Protein backbone atom coordinates (compact mmCIF):
# COMPACT_ATOMS: atom_id res chain seq x y z
CA MET A 1 104.62 39.25 50.99
CA LYS A 2 104.34 42.71 52.79
CA THR A 3 106.31 41.42 55.62
CA ARG A 4 109.49 40.09 53.25
CA LYS A 5 109.14 43.68 51.17
CA THR A 6 110.06 45.92 54.95
CA ILE A 7 112.56 43.40 55.98
CA LEU A 8 114.73 43.60 52.91
CA THR A 9 114.10 47.35 52.65
CA ALA A 10 115.20 47.64 56.65
CA LEU A 11 118.09 45.44 55.64
CA ILE A 12 119.28 47.39 53.35
CA ALA A 13 118.74 50.19 54.76
CA GLY A 14 121.51 48.83 57.18
CA LEU A 15 123.64 47.91 55.24
CA ILE A 16 123.42 51.77 53.37
CA GLY A 17 123.81 52.37 56.41
CA SER A 18 126.96 51.61 58.39
CA SER A 19 129.14 51.42 54.88
CA ALA A 20 128.15 55.25 55.02
CA ALA A 21 129.75 55.36 58.44
CA LEU A 22 133.03 53.68 57.51
CA ALA A 23 134.97 55.37 55.91
CA SER A 24 137.23 52.25 55.87
CA THR A 25 139.37 51.43 53.17
CA ASP A 26 140.40 47.85 52.93
CA GLY A 27 143.55 47.00 51.00
CA SER A 28 143.55 44.56 47.78
CA LEU A 29 145.29 41.19 47.16
CA GLY A 30 148.90 41.31 46.10
CA SER A 31 152.42 41.18 46.90
CA THR A 32 151.77 44.96 48.27
CA SER A 33 149.09 46.12 49.95
CA THR A 34 146.97 49.58 50.97
CA GLY A 35 144.36 49.56 53.95
CA GLN A 36 142.46 53.10 54.64
CA ILE A 37 142.05 54.45 57.81
CA ASP A 38 139.94 57.58 58.54
CA LEU A 39 140.80 59.19 61.70
CA ASP A 40 138.71 62.20 63.91
CA LEU A 41 139.03 63.68 66.90
CA GLU A 42 136.54 65.88 67.73
CA VAL A 43 138.47 69.02 70.84
CA LEU A 44 135.17 70.63 73.04
CA ASP A 45 136.21 73.96 74.80
CA SER A 46 138.55 73.35 77.65
CA VAL A 47 139.61 76.48 79.96
CA GLU A 48 140.99 76.97 83.54
CA ILE A 49 141.67 79.26 86.61
CA ASN A 50 144.42 78.47 88.69
CA GLU A 51 146.96 80.64 90.79
CA LEU A 52 144.09 81.80 93.01
CA ASP A 53 144.59 83.56 95.99
CA ASP A 54 142.06 84.79 98.57
CA ILE A 55 141.49 88.74 99.69
CA ASP A 56 142.68 89.87 102.66
CA PHE A 57 141.86 94.01 103.49
CA GLY A 58 143.13 93.74 107.08
CA GLN A 59 141.57 95.60 109.22
CA TYR A 60 140.29 99.33 109.39
CA GLY A 61 139.36 101.77 111.97
CA GLY A 62 141.11 104.95 113.83
CA GLY A 63 143.01 106.37 111.63
CA ASP A 64 142.79 105.27 109.00
CA SER A 65 140.57 106.68 105.86
CA GLY A 66 139.92 106.18 101.78
CA ASP A 67 139.07 103.99 100.28
CA ILE A 68 140.14 100.52 99.78
CA ASN A 69 141.40 98.07 97.11
CA ASP A 70 142.99 94.86 97.06
CA GLY A 71 143.96 92.04 94.39
CA ASP A 72 145.34 88.82 93.37
CA ALA A 73 146.49 87.98 90.00
CA TYR A 74 146.06 84.31 88.16
CA CYS A 75 145.93 81.92 85.83
CA VAL A 76 143.57 81.85 82.98
CA TYR A 77 143.42 78.88 80.34
CA VAL A 78 141.79 78.23 77.12
CA ASN A 79 142.76 75.46 74.73
CA GLY A 80 144.19 77.05 71.84
CA GLY A 81 145.28 80.41 73.81
CA GLY A 82 140.91 81.08 72.90
CA ASP A 83 138.86 84.48 74.04
CA TYR A 84 137.33 83.54 77.72
CA ASN A 85 134.83 85.85 79.87
CA ILE A 86 134.47 86.24 84.03
CA THR A 87 130.93 85.85 85.26
CA PRO A 88 131.00 87.20 88.82
CA THR A 89 128.89 86.41 91.14
CA SER A 90 129.58 86.04 95.19
CA SER A 91 127.48 82.75 98.19
CA ASN A 92 126.37 86.79 98.89
CA GLY A 93 124.12 86.69 96.54
CA GLU A 94 125.47 89.98 95.20
CA PHE A 95 128.58 91.74 95.97
CA LYS A 96 128.09 92.94 99.79
CA LEU A 97 130.68 91.55 102.10
CA VAL A 98 127.89 90.22 105.56
CA GLY A 99 128.91 90.79 108.97
CA ASP A 100 129.76 87.99 111.35
CA SER A 101 127.14 89.29 114.31
CA SER A 102 125.56 92.05 112.58
CA ALA A 103 122.67 92.11 110.12
CA ASP A 104 125.17 95.24 108.16
CA GLU A 105 126.24 94.84 104.78
CA ILE A 106 129.77 96.09 102.98
CA ALA A 107 129.44 96.32 99.07
CA TYR A 108 131.79 96.10 97.41
CA THR A 109 133.04 96.60 93.29
CA VAL A 110 134.78 94.26 90.96
CA LYS A 111 137.09 94.68 88.06
CA PHE A 112 138.90 92.10 85.47
CA ALA A 113 141.96 93.36 83.56
CA GLY A 114 143.90 90.56 81.04
CA ALA A 115 144.43 90.75 77.44
CA ALA A 116 142.12 91.98 75.18
CA THR A 117 143.12 92.21 71.55
CA GLY A 118 146.42 91.97 72.57
CA ALA A 119 146.80 95.55 74.38
CA SER A 120 146.34 95.22 79.19
CA SER A 121 142.89 96.24 79.79
CA GLU A 122 140.78 96.54 82.44
CA SER A 123 136.72 96.73 83.02
CA ALA A 124 134.03 96.93 86.12
CA VAL A 125 131.91 93.96 85.71
CA ALA A 126 128.15 93.78 86.89
CA TYR A 127 126.82 90.50 89.62
CA ASN A 128 125.97 87.61 87.65
CA SER A 129 126.79 90.09 84.02
CA PRO A 130 130.23 88.55 81.07
CA SER A 131 133.16 90.44 82.13
CA ALA A 132 134.81 91.35 78.11
CA THR A 133 136.09 89.57 75.94
CA PHE A 134 139.73 88.11 77.09
CA GLN A 135 142.46 86.38 75.58
CA GLY A 136 143.56 83.30 77.39
CA SER A 137 146.86 81.07 77.55
CA SER A 138 147.46 78.21 75.68
CA ALA A 139 149.46 76.92 78.27
CA ARG A 140 147.56 75.59 81.24
CA ASP A 141 150.38 78.05 83.69
CA CYS A 142 149.99 80.56 81.40
CA GLY A 143 153.90 80.24 81.16
CA ALA A 144 154.23 80.47 84.39
CA ALA A 145 153.13 84.00 83.90
CA ASN A 146 150.03 84.79 85.62
CA ASN A 147 148.03 86.84 82.40
CA ALA A 148 144.68 87.97 84.31
CA SER A 149 143.86 89.69 87.36
CA VAL A 150 141.10 91.06 89.84
CA ASP A 151 140.78 93.93 91.75
CA VAL A 152 138.30 93.70 94.54
CA SER A 153 137.38 98.04 96.31
CA ILE A 154 135.86 99.37 99.25
CA ALA A 155 134.23 102.28 99.34
CA GLU A 156 135.20 104.08 102.62
CA SER A 157 131.48 104.89 103.73
CA GLU A 158 130.77 101.71 103.06
CA ILE A 159 133.07 100.24 105.50
CA ARG A 160 132.10 104.05 108.18
CA ALA A 161 128.26 103.57 107.74
CA ALA A 162 128.80 99.63 108.69
CA SER A 163 129.12 98.12 112.64
CA THR A 164 132.06 96.61 114.16
CA ASP A 165 132.30 93.36 113.41
CA THR A 166 133.73 90.71 110.58
CA TYR A 167 132.88 90.99 107.55
CA ALA A 168 133.43 87.91 104.57
CA ASP A 169 131.55 86.73 100.78
CA THR A 170 133.39 83.78 98.91
CA LEU A 171 133.92 85.73 95.41
CA ILE A 172 132.64 83.40 92.54
CA LEU A 173 134.75 83.74 89.14
CA LEU A 174 132.74 81.99 86.02
CA VAL A 175 135.66 81.15 83.27
CA SER A 176 133.41 80.47 79.41
CA PRO A 177 135.03 79.95 77.01
CA ILE A 178 133.70 82.12 73.77
């Protein structure tokens, strides 16, 4: 008897659970019949950074002087044109260019610019820390006009302290929707 009650309880719970999950309504027999089907879609965050170009600082020496900087403009798409931030890291584990044949390193700084609350904004960012909040484009190609940029600066003192060599790093930009 107890087993029979358990089976009936499980069957009733299953029927109630499955009918609650189905919100569609069948029509009834007649000269016309109307049925209803509920439609559901969950849109998840989508972001894309594109139009990135490598930065080549060229050569520095001889009569060159002063700090150097260069940058790149790019596109950040966020579905619905929502907000995002960028967390930069690098293949060298910090913002440093590393020499090919020497142990020397050249530190650099990173700044991001983009649409922030409808105005252009530029902010320096620390290694592995999120940038200021920027607004993404609702078009994956940013409407053929880039909406963000990165600026990389190297102080003259860093360059002058380094040995003759070729220095490199890979800057990694992690875009996260907010």
